[in-house]
Amino acid sequence: MSVWLSVALAAAGVNVLLLLVLGSIWLRNYRQYGASHTLGLLVFAMFLLVQNLLWLYFYSLHPVFVGWFVNAGTDVQIGLTLLCGLETLALLILFKITWA
């Protein structure tokens, strides 16, 4: 397993955890206040959760994708890893704003 694959897998795992926490906060807030903005955030979190669960599957359990990723060029590996990493950064910002 390449370093970039491990980093991307870790980022997707962190994203899943952040989305579960954010989703639970937004669900609680939606039930309490009923704001449509909070419902929008909750739906957004659910779509991102599905996306990251799929990434976890592909990065860890799909042998054809793992083989392709390992044999792809470093630019492709870094690019896919950066996508997960940037999403992690964005979710951390949302988490900080939501938690405050």
N, C-alpha and C. Protein backbone atom coordinates (compact mmCIF):
# COMPACT_ATOMS: atom_id res chain seq x y z
N MET A 1 0.86 -1.18 0.00
CA MET A 1 0.00 0.00 0.00
C MET A 1 0.90 1.23 0.00
N SER A 2 0.60 2.17 -0.87
CA SER A 2 1.42 3.37 -0.97
C SER A 2 1.10 4.35 0.15
N VAL A 3 2.02 5.26 0.37
CA VAL A 3 1.83 6.29 1.40
C VAL A 3 0.63 7.15 1.07
N TRP A 4 0.48 7.53 -0.21
CA TRP A 4 -0.64 8.39 -0.60
C TRP A 4 -1.98 7.70 -0.40
N LEU A 5 -2.01 6.40 -0.64
CA LEU A 5 -3.25 5.64 -0.42
C LEU A 5 -3.59 5.62 1.07
N SER A 6 -2.58 5.44 1.91
CA SER A 6 -2.81 5.44 3.35
C SER A 6 -3.31 6.80 3.85
N VAL A 7 -2.73 7.86 3.32
CA VAL A 7 -3.16 9.21 3.71
C VAL A 7 -4.59 9.47 3.25
N ALA A 8 -4.91 9.08 2.01
CA ALA A 8 -6.27 9.27 1.49
C ALA A 8 -7.27 8.45 2.29
N LEU A 9 -6.91 7.23 2.65
CA LEU A 9 -7.78 6.38 3.46
C LEU A 9 -8.02 7.00 4.83
N ALA A 10 -6.97 7.52 5.44
CA ALA A 10 -7.11 8.16 6.75
C ALA A 10 -7.99 9.41 6.65
N ALA A 11 -7.79 10.21 5.60
CA ALA A 11 -8.60 11.42 5.43
C ALA A 11 -10.07 11.06 5.24
N ALA A 12 -10.34 10.04 4.46
CA ALA A 12 -11.74 9.62 4.27
C ALA A 12 -12.34 9.12 5.58
N GLY A 13 -11.55 8.42 6.39
CA GLY A 13 -12.02 7.97 7.69
C GLY A 13 -12.32 9.13 8.63
N VAL A 14 -11.45 10.13 8.65
CA VAL A 14 -11.68 11.32 9.47
C VAL A 14 -12.92 12.05 8.97
N ASN A 15 -13.09 12.12 7.66
CA ASN A 15 -14.27 12.77 7.10
C ASN A 15 -15.56 12.08 7.56
N VAL A 16 -15.56 10.76 7.57
CA VAL A 16 -16.74 10.02 8.02
C VAL A 16 -17.05 10.36 9.48
N LEU A 17 -16.03 10.37 10.32
CA LEU A 17 -16.24 10.69 11.73
C LEU A 17 -16.77 12.12 11.90
N LEU A 18 -16.16 13.08 11.20
CA LEU A 18 -16.61 14.46 11.29
C LEU A 18 -18.05 14.61 10.81
N LEU A 19 -18.38 13.92 9.72
CA LEU A 19 -19.74 14.03 9.19
C LEU A 19 -20.76 13.39 10.11
N LEU A 20 -20.40 12.32 10.79
CA LEU A 20 -21.32 11.71 11.75
C LEU A 20 -21.58 12.66 12.92
N VAL A 21 -20.54 13.31 13.41
CA VAL A 21 -20.71 14.26 14.51
C VAL A 21 -21.51 15.47 14.06
N LEU A 22 -21.11 16.05 12.91
CA LEU A 22 -21.83 17.21 12.40
C LEU A 22 -23.29 16.88 12.11
N GLY A 23 -23.51 15.72 11.49
CA GLY A 23 -24.88 15.31 11.17
C GLY A 23 -25.73 15.16 12.42
N SER A 24 -25.16 14.60 13.47
CA SER A 24 -25.94 14.44 14.71
C SER A 24 -26.25 15.79 15.34
N ILE A 25 -25.32 16.72 15.29
CA ILE A 25 -25.58 18.07 15.82
C ILE A 25 -26.66 18.75 14.99
N TRP A 26 -26.54 18.68 13.68
CA TRP A 26 -27.51 19.35 12.81
C TRP A 26 -28.89 18.70 12.91
N LEU A 27 -28.93 17.37 13.09
CA LEU A 27 -30.22 16.70 13.26
C LEU A 27 -30.88 17.16 14.55
N ARG A 28 -30.12 17.22 15.63
CA ARG A 28 -30.66 17.70 16.90
C ARG A 28 -31.17 19.14 16.78
N ASN A 29 -30.38 19.98 16.12
CA ASN A 29 -30.79 21.38 15.94
C ASN A 29 -32.02 21.50 15.05
N TYR A 30 -32.10 20.66 14.03
CA TYR A 30 -33.28 20.71 13.15
C TYR A 30 -34.52 20.29 13.92
N ARG A 31 -34.41 19.25 14.71
CA ARG A 31 -35.57 18.81 15.51
C ARG A 31 -36.00 19.87 16.51
N GLN A 32 -35.02 20.60 17.03
CA GLN A 32 -35.33 21.62 18.04
C GLN A 32 -35.90 22.89 17.42
N TYR A 33 -35.29 23.35 16.32
CA TYR A 33 -35.67 24.65 15.76
C TYR A 33 -36.44 24.57 14.45
N GLY A 34 -36.25 23.50 13.69
CA GLY A 34 -36.97 23.33 12.43
C GLY A 34 -36.54 24.26 11.31
N ALA A 35 -35.33 24.81 11.39
CA ALA A 35 -34.84 25.76 10.38
C ALA A 35 -34.48 25.01 9.09
N SER A 36 -34.91 25.57 7.96
CA SER A 36 -34.63 24.92 6.68
C SER A 36 -33.13 24.93 6.36
N HIS A 37 -32.40 25.92 6.85
CA HIS A 37 -30.96 25.98 6.64
C HIS A 37 -30.29 24.78 7.31
N THR A 38 -30.73 24.44 8.49
CA THR A 38 -30.17 23.29 9.20
C THR A 38 -30.51 21.99 8.48
N LEU A 39 -31.71 21.90 7.92
CA LEU A 39 -32.07 20.73 7.13
C LEU A 39 -31.16 20.62 5.91
N GLY A 40 -30.87 21.74 5.28
CA GLY A 40 -29.95 21.74 4.14
C GLY A 40 -28.57 21.23 4.52
N LEU A 41 -28.07 21.67 5.68
CA LEU A 41 -26.77 21.19 6.15
C LEU A 41 -26.82 19.69 6.42
N LEU A 42 -27.92 19.23 6.96
CA LEU A 42 -28.07 17.81 7.26
C LEU A 42 -28.08 16.97 5.97
N VAL A 43 -28.80 17.41 4.98
CA VAL A 43 -28.84 16.70 3.69
C VAL A 43 -27.44 16.71 3.05
N PHE A 44 -26.78 17.86 3.10
CA PHE A 44 -25.42 17.99 2.59
C PHE A 44 -24.49 16.99 3.28
N ALA A 45 -24.61 16.88 4.60
CA ALA A 45 -23.77 15.94 5.35
C ALA A 45 -24.04 14.50 4.94
N MET A 46 -25.30 14.17 4.68
CA MET A 46 -25.62 12.80 4.32
C MET A 46 -25.03 12.43 2.95
N PHE A 47 -25.09 13.36 2.00
CA PHE A 47 -24.49 13.09 0.69
C PHE A 47 -22.97 12.92 0.81
N LEU A 48 -22.34 13.79 1.58
CA LEU A 48 -20.90 13.67 1.77
C LEU A 48 -20.54 12.40 2.53
N LEU A 49 -21.39 11.98 3.45
CA LEU A 49 -21.15 10.75 4.18
C LEU A 49 -21.16 9.55 3.23
N VAL A 50 -22.14 9.50 2.35
CA VAL A 50 -22.20 8.41 1.36
C VAL A 50 -20.95 8.44 0.48
N GLN A 51 -20.55 9.62 0.04
CA GLN A 51 -19.36 9.74 -0.80
C GLN A 51 -18.12 9.20 -0.07
N ASN A 52 -17.95 9.59 1.18
CA ASN A 52 -16.76 9.16 1.91
C ASN A 52 -16.80 7.69 2.29
N LEU A 53 -17.99 7.13 2.52
CA LEU A 53 -18.09 5.69 2.74
C LEU A 53 -17.69 4.93 1.47
N LEU A 54 -18.09 5.46 0.32
CA LEU A 54 -17.65 4.85 -0.94
C LEU A 54 -16.15 4.94 -1.11
N TRP A 55 -15.55 6.09 -0.76
CA TRP A 55 -14.10 6.23 -0.83
C TRP A 55 -13.42 5.22 0.09
N LEU A 56 -13.95 5.05 1.31
CA LEU A 56 -13.37 4.06 2.22
C LEU A 56 -13.41 2.66 1.61
N TYR A 57 -14.54 2.34 0.97
CA TYR A 57 -14.64 1.04 0.31
C TYR A 57 -13.60 0.91 -0.80
N PHE A 58 -13.52 1.91 -1.66
CA PHE A 58 -12.58 1.82 -2.78
C PHE A 58 -11.14 1.80 -2.31
N TYR A 59 -10.80 2.64 -1.32
CA TYR A 59 -9.41 2.71 -0.84
C TYR A 59 -8.98 1.46 -0.08
N SER A 60 -9.92 0.74 0.51
CA SER A 60 -9.49 -0.37 1.36
C SER A 60 -9.94 -1.76 0.86
N LEU A 61 -11.09 -1.87 0.22
CA LEU A 61 -11.63 -3.19 -0.09
C LEU A 61 -11.74 -3.53 -1.57
N HIS A 62 -11.58 -2.57 -2.45
CA HIS A 62 -11.75 -2.82 -3.88
C HIS A 62 -10.37 -3.06 -4.51
N PRO A 63 -10.02 -4.33 -4.75
CA PRO A 63 -8.66 -4.63 -5.20
C PRO A 63 -8.30 -4.01 -6.55
N VAL A 64 -9.24 -3.89 -7.46
CA VAL A 64 -8.94 -3.31 -8.77
C VAL A 64 -8.60 -1.83 -8.61
N PHE A 65 -9.38 -1.11 -7.80
CA PHE A 65 -9.10 0.32 -7.59
C PHE A 65 -7.77 0.51 -6.86
N VAL A 66 -7.52 -0.31 -5.83
CA VAL A 66 -6.26 -0.19 -5.10
C VAL A 66 -5.08 -0.45 -6.05
N GLY A 67 -5.19 -1.47 -6.89
CA GLY A 67 -4.14 -1.74 -7.87
C GLY A 67 -3.94 -0.60 -8.83
N TRP A 68 -5.04 -0.01 -9.30
CA TRP A 68 -4.93 1.13 -10.20
C TRP A 68 -4.28 2.31 -9.49
N PHE A 69 -4.70 2.58 -8.26
CA PHE A 69 -4.17 3.71 -7.51
C PHE A 69 -2.67 3.56 -7.29
N VAL A 70 -2.25 2.37 -6.88
CA VAL A 70 -0.83 2.13 -6.59
C VAL A 70 0.00 2.26 -7.86
N ASN A 71 -0.54 1.81 -9.00
CA ASN A 71 0.21 1.86 -10.26
C ASN A 71 0.04 3.17 -11.02
N ALA A 72 -0.87 4.02 -10.58
CA ALA A 72 -1.05 5.33 -11.23
C ALA A 72 0.16 6.21 -10.91
N GLY A 73 0.29 7.25 -11.66
CA GLY A 73 1.38 8.17 -11.41
C GLY A 73 1.22 8.89 -10.09
N THR A 74 2.33 9.43 -9.62
CA THR A 74 2.32 10.15 -8.35
C THR A 74 1.39 11.35 -8.42
N ASP A 75 1.29 11.99 -9.59
CA ASP A 75 0.40 13.14 -9.71
C ASP A 75 -1.06 12.76 -9.48
N VAL A 76 -1.46 11.59 -9.95
CA VAL A 76 -2.83 11.11 -9.73
C VAL A 76 -3.03 10.78 -8.25
N GLN A 77 -2.06 10.11 -7.65
CA GLN A 77 -2.15 9.76 -6.24
C GLN A 77 -2.25 11.01 -5.36
N ILE A 78 -1.41 11.99 -5.63
CA ILE A 78 -1.44 13.23 -4.86
C ILE A 78 -2.75 13.97 -5.09
N GLY A 79 -3.23 13.98 -6.32
CA GLY A 79 -4.47 14.68 -6.63
C GLY A 79 -5.67 14.10 -5.89
N LEU A 80 -5.80 12.78 -5.91
CA LEU A 80 -6.92 12.15 -5.20
C LEU A 80 -6.79 12.32 -3.69
N THR A 81 -5.56 12.25 -3.20
CA THR A 81 -5.34 12.46 -1.77
C THR A 81 -5.66 13.88 -1.37
N LEU A 82 -5.28 14.84 -2.20
CA LEU A 82 -5.58 16.24 -1.90
C LEU A 82 -7.08 16.51 -1.88
N LEU A 83 -7.83 15.85 -2.74
CA LEU A 83 -9.29 16.02 -2.72
C LEU A 83 -9.86 15.62 -1.36
N CYS A 84 -9.43 14.47 -0.85
CA CYS A 84 -9.91 14.03 0.47
C CYS A 84 -9.38 14.96 1.56
N GLY A 85 -8.14 15.39 1.43
CA GLY A 85 -7.55 16.28 2.43
C GLY A 85 -8.21 17.64 2.47
N LEU A 86 -8.53 18.19 1.31
CA LEU A 86 -9.23 19.48 1.28
C LEU A 86 -10.63 19.37 1.86
N GLU A 87 -11.28 18.24 1.62
CA GLU A 87 -12.60 18.02 2.21
C GLU A 87 -12.48 17.93 3.73
N THR A 88 -11.42 17.29 4.21
CA THR A 88 -11.20 17.22 5.66
C THR A 88 -11.02 18.62 6.24
N LEU A 89 -10.24 19.44 5.57
CA LEU A 89 -10.03 20.82 6.03
C LEU A 89 -11.35 21.59 6.06
N ALA A 90 -12.15 21.46 5.01
CA ALA A 90 -13.44 22.15 4.96
C ALA A 90 -14.37 21.67 6.07
N LEU A 91 -14.38 20.37 6.33
CA LEU A 91 -15.23 19.83 7.38
C LEU A 91 -14.75 20.26 8.76
N LEU A 92 -13.44 20.38 8.94
CA LEU A 92 -12.92 20.88 10.21
C LEU A 92 -13.35 22.32 10.46
N ILE A 93 -13.37 23.12 9.41
CA ILE A 93 -13.84 24.50 9.54
C ILE A 93 -15.32 24.52 9.90
N LEU A 94 -16.12 23.70 9.21
CA LEU A 94 -17.54 23.60 9.55
C LEU A 94 -17.74 23.11 10.98
N PHE A 95 -16.92 22.17 11.40
CA PHE A 95 -17.01 21.64 12.75
C PHE A 95 -16.72 22.74 13.77
N LYS A 96 -15.67 23.53 13.52
CA LYS A 96 -15.32 24.62 14.43
C LYS A 96 -16.44 25.65 14.51
N ILE A 97 -17.03 25.99 13.38
CA ILE A 97 -18.13 26.96 13.34
C ILE A 97 -19.36 26.39 14.04
N THR A 98 -19.66 25.12 13.80
CA THR A 98 -20.85 24.50 14.38
C THR A 98 -20.69 24.33 15.88
N TRP A 99 -19.50 23.95 16.33
CA TRP A 99 -19.28 23.68 17.74
C TRP A 99 -19.26 24.96 18.57
N ALA A 100 -18.90 26.08 17.96
CA ALA A 100 -18.77 27.34 18.71
C ALA A 100 -20.10 27.89 19.17
